[in-house]
């Protein structure tokens, strides 16, 4: 089974899939950044699914920066790149990092993966991603 995590700054949404089948869905609101681990633990308990049956966790990450353009396993280097992309998604990436850390705290042996919203646009031609952007912004890695 796969745990899907969408961590917001004050919320946590999760789903558990067994292959293509949705097995459980939970959410916690108004938790604050310090409460993600407790919210995740509570949400997992409410599903009744034992943690030992989970094979991995996938996290929604809004921006992967210029290099992270496909889903990938979260390693220390990937974690650092997501952190480096915080200025590109300052409202969303910090929350995703908190979710990643919460899963790591509760389920330290569970493989974790990042899935990037920006992957959808990663294969756009340069003319589409650069149109109407100042050269200085493009040099900083800003894409349309």
N, C-alpha and C. Protein backbone atom coordinates (compact mmCIF):
# COMPACT_ATOMS: atom_id res chain seq x y z
N UNK A 1 0.84 -1.18 0.00
CA UNK A 1 0.00 0.00 0.00
C UNK A 1 0.89 1.24 0.00
N UNK A 2 0.37 2.29 -0.60
CA UNK A 2 1.11 3.53 -0.74
C UNK A 2 0.38 4.65 0.00
N UNK A 3 1.11 5.37 0.82
CA UNK A 3 0.60 6.52 1.55
C UNK A 3 0.85 7.77 0.71
N UNK A 4 -0.20 8.54 0.45
CA UNK A 4 -0.09 9.78 -0.30
C UNK A 4 -0.29 10.93 0.68
N UNK A 5 0.65 11.88 0.70
CA UNK A 5 0.62 12.97 1.67
C UNK A 5 0.60 14.32 0.95
N UNK A 6 -0.34 15.17 1.34
CA UNK A 6 -0.40 16.54 0.86
C UNK A 6 -0.41 17.42 2.11
N UNK A 7 0.75 17.92 2.49
CA UNK A 7 0.88 18.73 3.70
C UNK A 7 0.78 20.20 3.36
N UNK A 8 -0.10 20.89 4.04
CA UNK A 8 -0.21 22.33 3.92
C UNK A 8 0.35 22.99 5.16
N UNK A 9 0.37 24.31 5.17
CA UNK A 9 0.96 25.00 6.32
C UNK A 9 0.17 24.75 7.60
N UNK A 10 -1.12 24.52 7.49
CA UNK A 10 -1.93 24.25 8.69
C UNK A 10 -2.85 23.06 8.48
N UNK A 11 -2.58 22.25 7.48
CA UNK A 11 -3.44 21.10 7.21
C UNK A 11 -2.61 19.92 6.72
N UNK A 12 -3.23 18.77 6.79
CA UNK A 12 -2.60 17.55 6.31
C UNK A 12 -3.69 16.68 5.70
N UNK A 13 -3.50 16.31 4.44
CA UNK A 13 -4.43 15.40 3.77
C UNK A 13 -3.64 14.16 3.41
N UNK A 14 -4.24 13.01 3.63
CA UNK A 14 -3.56 11.79 3.22
C UNK A 14 -4.57 10.81 2.66
N UNK A 15 -4.04 9.93 1.83
CA UNK A 15 -4.82 8.85 1.25
C UNK A 15 -3.92 7.62 1.23
N UNK A 16 -4.55 6.47 1.29
CA UNK A 16 -3.82 5.21 1.19
C UNK A 16 -4.41 4.44 0.01
N UNK A 17 -3.54 4.01 -0.88
CA UNK A 17 -3.94 3.23 -2.04
C UNK A 17 -3.33 1.84 -1.98
N UNK A 18 -4.12 0.88 -2.39
CA UNK A 18 -3.63 -0.48 -2.60
C UNK A 18 -3.73 -0.70 -4.10
N UNK A 19 -2.61 -0.54 -4.79
CA UNK A 19 -2.65 -0.54 -6.25
C UNK A 19 -3.48 0.65 -6.69
N UNK A 20 -4.44 0.45 -7.59
CA UNK A 20 -5.26 1.57 -8.05
C UNK A 20 -6.44 1.89 -7.13
N UNK A 21 -6.63 1.10 -6.09
CA UNK A 21 -7.81 1.24 -5.24
C UNK A 21 -7.56 2.13 -4.03
N UNK A 22 -8.43 3.13 -3.86
CA UNK A 22 -8.38 3.98 -2.67
C UNK A 22 -8.88 3.17 -1.49
N UNK A 23 -8.05 3.05 -0.46
CA UNK A 23 -8.39 2.26 0.72
C UNK A 23 -8.86 3.17 1.86
N UNK A 24 -8.24 4.34 1.98
CA UNK A 24 -8.59 5.25 3.07
C UNK A 24 -8.22 6.67 2.69
N UNK A 25 -8.94 7.60 3.30
CA UNK A 25 -8.65 9.02 3.12
C UNK A 25 -8.89 9.72 4.45
N UNK A 26 -7.99 10.59 4.83
CA UNK A 26 -8.10 11.33 6.10
C UNK A 26 -7.60 12.75 5.89
N UNK A 27 -8.01 13.64 6.78
CA UNK A 27 -7.54 15.02 6.74
C UNK A 27 -7.53 15.59 8.15
N UNK A 28 -6.63 16.51 8.37
CA UNK A 28 -6.57 17.26 9.62
C UNK A 28 -6.39 18.72 9.26
N UNK A 29 -7.14 19.59 9.91
CA UNK A 29 -7.09 21.02 9.62
C UNK A 29 -6.60 21.78 10.86
N UNK A 30 -6.13 23.00 10.63
CA UNK A 30 -5.72 23.91 11.69
C UNK A 30 -4.74 23.27 12.67
N UNK A 31 -3.70 22.63 12.12
CA UNK A 31 -2.77 21.91 12.99
C UNK A 31 -1.49 22.69 13.26
N UNK A 32 -1.15 23.66 12.43
CA UNK A 32 0.10 24.38 12.63
C UNK A 32 1.30 23.51 12.27
N UNK A 33 2.42 24.14 12.01
CA UNK A 33 3.58 23.39 11.52
C UNK A 33 4.15 22.43 12.55
N UNK A 34 3.94 22.68 13.83
CA UNK A 34 4.46 21.78 14.86
C UNK A 34 3.60 20.54 15.05
N UNK A 35 2.41 20.53 14.48
CA UNK A 35 1.49 19.43 14.73
C UNK A 35 1.38 18.39 13.64
N UNK A 36 2.20 18.48 12.59
CA UNK A 36 2.06 17.56 11.47
C UNK A 36 2.33 16.11 11.87
N UNK A 37 3.33 15.85 12.68
CA UNK A 37 3.64 14.47 13.06
C UNK A 37 2.48 13.87 13.86
N UNK A 38 1.94 14.64 14.81
CA UNK A 38 0.81 14.15 15.59
C UNK A 38 -0.43 13.97 14.72
N UNK A 39 -0.66 14.92 13.80
CA UNK A 39 -1.81 14.80 12.89
C UNK A 39 -1.66 13.59 11.99
N UNK A 40 -0.46 13.35 11.49
CA UNK A 40 -0.21 12.19 10.64
C UNK A 40 -0.44 10.90 11.42
N UNK A 41 0.09 10.84 12.63
CA UNK A 41 -0.09 9.67 13.47
C UNK A 41 -1.57 9.41 13.72
N UNK A 42 -2.31 10.46 14.09
CA UNK A 42 -3.74 10.32 14.34
C UNK A 42 -4.51 9.90 13.10
N UNK A 43 -4.17 10.50 11.96
CA UNK A 43 -4.86 10.15 10.71
C UNK A 43 -4.59 8.70 10.33
N UNK A 44 -3.35 8.26 10.48
CA UNK A 44 -3.04 6.86 10.17
C UNK A 44 -3.79 5.91 11.10
N UNK A 45 -3.87 6.27 12.38
CA UNK A 45 -4.61 5.42 13.33
C UNK A 45 -6.09 5.32 12.94
N UNK A 46 -6.66 6.46 12.52
CA UNK A 46 -8.08 6.46 12.14
C UNK A 46 -8.34 5.58 10.92
N UNK A 47 -7.36 5.42 10.05
CA UNK A 47 -7.57 4.56 8.88
C UNK A 47 -7.64 3.10 9.28
N UNK A 48 -7.02 2.75 10.41
CA UNK A 48 -6.97 1.35 10.83
C UNK A 48 -5.97 0.52 10.05
N UNK A 49 -5.19 1.15 9.21
CA UNK A 49 -4.20 0.44 8.40
C UNK A 49 -2.89 0.38 9.17
N UNK A 50 -2.36 -0.81 9.39
CA UNK A 50 -1.09 -0.90 10.11
C UNK A 50 0.05 -0.29 9.29
N UNK A 51 0.91 0.44 9.96
CA UNK A 51 2.04 1.07 9.28
C UNK A 51 2.91 0.04 8.57
N UNK A 52 2.95 -1.16 9.11
CA UNK A 52 3.79 -2.21 8.51
C UNK A 52 3.31 -2.63 7.13
N UNK A 53 2.06 -2.30 6.78
CA UNK A 53 1.55 -2.67 5.45
C UNK A 53 1.87 -1.61 4.39
N UNK A 54 2.42 -0.47 4.82
CA UNK A 54 2.78 0.58 3.87
C UNK A 54 4.12 0.27 3.23
N UNK A 55 4.17 0.45 1.91
CA UNK A 55 5.41 0.18 1.16
C UNK A 55 6.16 1.45 0.80
N UNK A 56 5.50 2.59 0.90
CA UNK A 56 6.13 3.85 0.57
C UNK A 56 5.19 5.01 0.82
N UNK A 57 5.74 6.21 0.81
CA UNK A 57 4.96 7.44 0.95
C UNK A 57 5.33 8.37 -0.20
N UNK A 58 4.32 8.98 -0.80
CA UNK A 58 4.53 9.95 -1.88
C UNK A 58 3.99 11.29 -1.42
N UNK A 59 4.78 12.33 -1.60
CA UNK A 59 4.43 13.68 -1.15
C UNK A 59 4.22 14.60 -2.34
N UNK A 60 3.16 15.40 -2.27
CA UNK A 60 2.98 16.46 -3.25
C UNK A 60 3.93 17.59 -2.87
N UNK A 61 4.77 17.98 -3.82
CA UNK A 61 5.68 19.11 -3.64
C UNK A 61 5.42 20.07 -4.79
N UNK A 62 5.13 21.32 -4.48
CA UNK A 62 4.76 22.28 -5.51
C UNK A 62 5.90 22.55 -6.48
N UNK A 63 7.10 22.83 -5.97
CA UNK A 63 8.19 23.25 -6.87
C UNK A 63 9.46 22.48 -6.56
N UNK A 64 10.01 21.87 -7.59
CA UNK A 64 11.25 21.12 -7.44
C UNK A 64 12.48 21.87 -7.89
N UNK A 65 12.33 23.14 -8.23
CA UNK A 65 13.48 23.89 -8.72
C UNK A 65 13.82 23.47 -10.14
N UNK A 66 14.95 23.89 -10.64
CA UNK A 66 15.28 23.65 -12.05
C UNK A 66 15.65 22.19 -12.37
N UNK A 67 16.09 21.42 -11.40
CA UNK A 67 16.57 20.06 -11.70
C UNK A 67 15.54 18.95 -11.41
N UNK A 68 14.66 19.16 -10.46
CA UNK A 68 13.73 18.10 -10.07
C UNK A 68 12.47 18.21 -10.92
N UNK A 69 12.45 17.45 -11.99
CA UNK A 69 11.36 17.56 -12.96
C UNK A 69 10.55 16.28 -13.11
N UNK A 70 10.89 15.25 -12.35
CA UNK A 70 10.10 14.02 -12.35
C UNK A 70 10.00 13.52 -10.92
N UNK A 71 9.05 12.65 -10.68
CA UNK A 71 8.94 12.04 -9.36
C UNK A 71 10.23 11.31 -9.03
N UNK A 72 10.64 11.37 -7.76
CA UNK A 72 11.90 10.73 -7.37
C UNK A 72 11.87 10.36 -5.89
N UNK A 73 12.73 9.42 -5.55
CA UNK A 73 12.87 9.03 -4.15
C UNK A 73 13.57 10.16 -3.39
N UNK A 74 13.10 10.41 -2.19
CA UNK A 74 13.67 11.48 -1.38
C UNK A 74 14.92 10.96 -0.67
N UNK A 75 16.02 11.57 -1.01
CA UNK A 75 17.32 11.30 -0.39
C UNK A 75 17.76 12.60 0.29
N UNK A 76 18.84 12.60 1.04
CA UNK A 76 19.31 13.87 1.60
C UNK A 76 19.57 14.93 0.52
N UNK A 77 20.10 14.53 -0.63
CA UNK A 77 20.35 15.49 -1.71
C UNK A 77 19.05 16.05 -2.27
N UNK A 78 18.05 15.19 -2.46
CA UNK A 78 16.75 15.64 -2.97
C UNK A 78 16.10 16.57 -1.95
N UNK A 79 16.17 16.20 -0.68
CA UNK A 79 15.63 17.05 0.39
C UNK A 79 16.27 18.44 0.33
N UNK A 80 17.58 18.48 0.11
CA UNK A 80 18.29 19.76 0.01
C UNK A 80 17.82 20.56 -1.20
N UNK A 81 17.55 19.89 -2.30
CA UNK A 81 17.07 20.61 -3.50
C UNK A 81 15.67 21.16 -3.30
N UNK A 82 14.81 20.40 -2.62
CA UNK A 82 13.46 20.90 -2.32
C UNK A 82 13.58 22.12 -1.41
N UNK A 83 14.47 22.05 -0.44
CA UNK A 83 14.70 23.18 0.46
C UNK A 83 15.21 24.38 -0.32
N UNK A 84 16.12 24.16 -1.25
CA UNK A 84 16.65 25.26 -2.06
C UNK A 84 15.58 25.90 -2.93
N UNK A 85 14.53 25.16 -3.26
CA UNK A 85 13.45 25.69 -4.09
C UNK A 85 12.38 26.43 -3.29
N UNK A 86 12.55 26.53 -1.97
CA UNK A 86 11.57 27.24 -1.14
C UNK A 86 11.30 28.66 -1.65
N UNK A 87 12.30 29.45 -2.08
CA UNK A 87 12.00 30.79 -2.58
C UNK A 87 11.07 30.78 -3.81
N UNK A 88 11.03 29.68 -4.53
CA UNK A 88 10.17 29.59 -5.71
C UNK A 88 8.73 29.20 -5.34
N UNK A 89 8.53 28.65 -4.16
CA UNK A 89 7.19 28.29 -3.68
C UNK A 89 7.17 28.46 -2.16
N UNK A 90 7.28 29.71 -1.69
CA UNK A 90 7.45 29.95 -0.25
C UNK A 90 6.25 29.59 0.61
N UNK A 91 5.07 29.49 0.04
CA UNK A 91 3.90 29.12 0.82
C UNK A 91 3.68 27.61 0.86
N UNK A 92 4.29 26.88 -0.07
CA UNK A 92 3.99 25.46 -0.21
C UNK A 92 5.14 24.52 0.11
N UNK A 93 6.33 24.82 -0.39
CA UNK A 93 7.45 23.89 -0.16
C UNK A 93 7.79 23.70 1.32
N UNK A 94 7.75 24.74 2.15
CA UNK A 94 8.04 24.49 3.57
C UNK A 94 7.07 23.49 4.19
N UNK A 95 5.80 23.56 3.82
CA UNK A 95 4.82 22.61 4.35
C UNK A 95 5.11 21.20 3.87
N UNK A 96 5.49 21.06 2.60
CA UNK A 96 5.83 19.73 2.08
C UNK A 96 7.02 19.16 2.84
N UNK A 97 8.00 20.00 3.14
CA UNK A 97 9.17 19.55 3.90
C UNK A 97 8.78 19.11 5.31
N UNK A 98 7.84 19.81 5.92
CA UNK A 98 7.35 19.42 7.24
C UNK A 98 6.67 18.05 7.15
N UNK A 99 5.89 17.83 6.09
CA UNK A 99 5.25 16.52 5.90
C UNK A 99 6.26 15.41 5.71
N UNK A 100 7.30 15.68 4.94
CA UNK A 100 8.36 14.70 4.71
C UNK A 100 9.04 14.36 6.04
N UNK A 101 9.31 15.39 6.83
CA UNK A 101 9.95 15.17 8.13
C UNK A 101 9.03 14.41 9.09
N UNK A 102 7.73 14.69 9.03
CA UNK A 102 6.78 13.99 9.90
C UNK A 102 6.75 12.50 9.58
N UNK A 103 6.72 12.16 8.30
CA UNK A 103 6.73 10.74 7.91
C UNK A 103 8.05 10.11 8.34
N UNK A 104 9.15 10.81 8.14
CA UNK A 104 10.46 10.27 8.53
C UNK A 104 10.53 10.01 10.03
N UNK A 105 9.91 10.88 10.82
CA UNK A 105 9.91 10.71 12.27
C UNK A 105 9.07 9.51 12.69
N UNK A 106 7.88 9.39 12.09
CA UNK A 106 6.96 8.32 12.49
C UNK A 106 7.30 6.97 11.87
N UNK A 107 7.77 7.00 10.63
CA UNK A 107 8.03 5.76 9.87
C UNK A 107 9.42 5.85 9.26
N UNK A 108 10.45 5.80 10.06
CA UNK A 108 11.81 6.09 9.57
C UNK A 108 12.32 5.15 8.48
N UNK A 109 11.79 3.94 8.39
CA UNK A 109 12.27 3.00 7.38
C UNK A 109 11.43 3.01 6.10
N UNK A 110 10.38 3.83 6.07
CA UNK A 110 9.49 3.86 4.91
C UNK A 110 10.12 4.70 3.79
N UNK A 111 10.28 4.13 2.59
CA UNK A 111 10.80 4.93 1.47
C UNK A 111 9.82 6.07 1.15
N UNK A 112 10.37 7.25 0.89
CA UNK A 112 9.55 8.41 0.58
C UNK A 112 9.90 8.94 -0.81
N UNK A 113 8.88 9.44 -1.49
CA UNK A 113 9.02 9.94 -2.85
C UNK A 113 8.40 11.33 -2.93
N UNK A 114 8.94 12.16 -3.80
CA UNK A 114 8.40 13.49 -4.06
C UNK A 114 7.82 13.52 -5.47
N UNK A 115 6.64 14.11 -5.58
CA UNK A 115 5.98 14.28 -6.88
C UNK A 115 5.74 15.78 -7.02
N UNK A 116 6.27 16.37 -8.08
CA UNK A 116 6.31 17.82 -8.22
C UNK A 116 5.22 18.34 -9.15
N UNK A 117 4.50 19.37 -8.69
CA UNK A 117 3.53 20.04 -9.56
C UNK A 117 4.23 20.57 -10.82
N UNK A 118 5.45 21.05 -10.68
CA UNK A 118 6.17 21.63 -11.80
C UNK A 118 6.58 20.58 -12.84
N UNK A 119 6.50 19.32 -12.51
CA UNK A 119 6.84 18.27 -13.48
C UNK A 119 5.91 18.33 -14.69
N UNK A 120 4.68 18.78 -14.47
CA UNK A 120 3.71 18.87 -15.55
C UNK A 120 4.22 19.76 -16.68
N UNK A 121 4.94 20.82 -16.31
CA UNK A 121 5.43 21.79 -17.30
C UNK A 121 6.88 21.57 -17.70
N UNK A 122 7.52 20.56 -17.17
CA UNK A 122 8.97 20.38 -17.36
C UNK A 122 9.37 20.17 -18.81
N UNK A 123 8.48 19.62 -19.62
CA UNK A 123 8.84 19.33 -21.01
C UNK A 123 8.40 20.42 -21.98
N UNK A 124 7.87 21.52 -21.46
CA UNK A 124 7.50 22.62 -22.35
C UNK A 124 8.74 23.16 -23.05
N UNK A 125 8.62 23.57 -24.30
CA UNK A 125 9.77 24.15 -25.00
C UNK A 125 10.19 25.46 -24.33
N UNK A 126 11.45 25.82 -24.51
CA UNK A 126 11.98 27.02 -23.86
C UNK A 126 11.19 28.27 -24.23
N UNK A 127 10.74 28.36 -25.46
CA UNK A 127 9.98 29.55 -25.87
C UNK A 127 8.72 29.70 -25.00
N UNK A 128 8.11 28.60 -24.62
CA UNK A 128 6.90 28.66 -23.80
C UNK A 128 7.23 29.01 -22.35
N UNK A 129 8.38 28.59 -21.86
CA UNK A 129 8.72 28.85 -20.46
C UNK A 129 9.41 30.19 -20.25
N UNK A 130 9.92 30.79 -21.32
CA UNK A 130 10.66 32.04 -21.21
C UNK A 130 9.88 33.25 -21.70
N UNK A 131 8.82 33.04 -22.45
CA UNK A 131 8.07 34.13 -23.06
C UNK A 131 7.64 35.15 -22.00
N UNK A 132 7.94 36.40 -22.25
CA UNK A 132 7.53 37.56 -21.44
C UNK A 132 8.25 37.66 -20.10
N UNK A 133 9.25 36.84 -19.86
CA UNK A 133 10.02 36.96 -18.62
C UNK A 133 11.30 37.74 -18.87
N UNK A 134 11.65 38.65 -17.98
CA UNK A 134 12.92 39.37 -18.13
C UNK A 134 14.10 38.39 -18.07
N UNK A 135 15.14 38.71 -18.81
CA UNK A 135 16.32 37.85 -18.87
C UNK A 135 16.89 37.61 -17.47
N UNK A 136 16.91 38.64 -16.64
CA UNK A 136 17.47 38.49 -15.28
C UNK A 136 16.69 37.46 -14.48
N UNK A 137 15.38 37.42 -14.65
CA UNK A 137 14.57 36.44 -13.92
C UNK A 137 14.82 35.03 -14.45
N UNK A 138 14.95 34.91 -15.75
CA UNK A 138 15.25 33.59 -16.33
C UNK A 138 16.59 33.09 -15.84
N UNK A 139 17.56 33.99 -15.70
CA UNK A 139 18.89 33.61 -15.22
C UNK A 139 18.83 33.10 -13.78
N UNK A 140 17.84 33.54 -13.01
CA UNK A 140 17.67 33.07 -11.63
C UNK A 140 16.91 31.75 -11.57
N UNK A 141 16.50 31.24 -12.74
CA UNK A 141 15.78 29.97 -12.76
C UNK A 141 14.28 30.09 -12.78
N UNK A 142 13.78 31.31 -12.90
CA UNK A 142 12.33 31.52 -12.96
C UNK A 142 11.85 31.09 -14.34
N UNK A 143 10.81 30.28 -14.35
CA UNK A 143 10.20 29.82 -15.60
C UNK A 143 8.73 30.17 -15.58
N UNK A 144 8.18 30.35 -16.73
CA UNK A 144 6.76 30.60 -16.87
C UNK A 144 6.04 29.29 -16.90
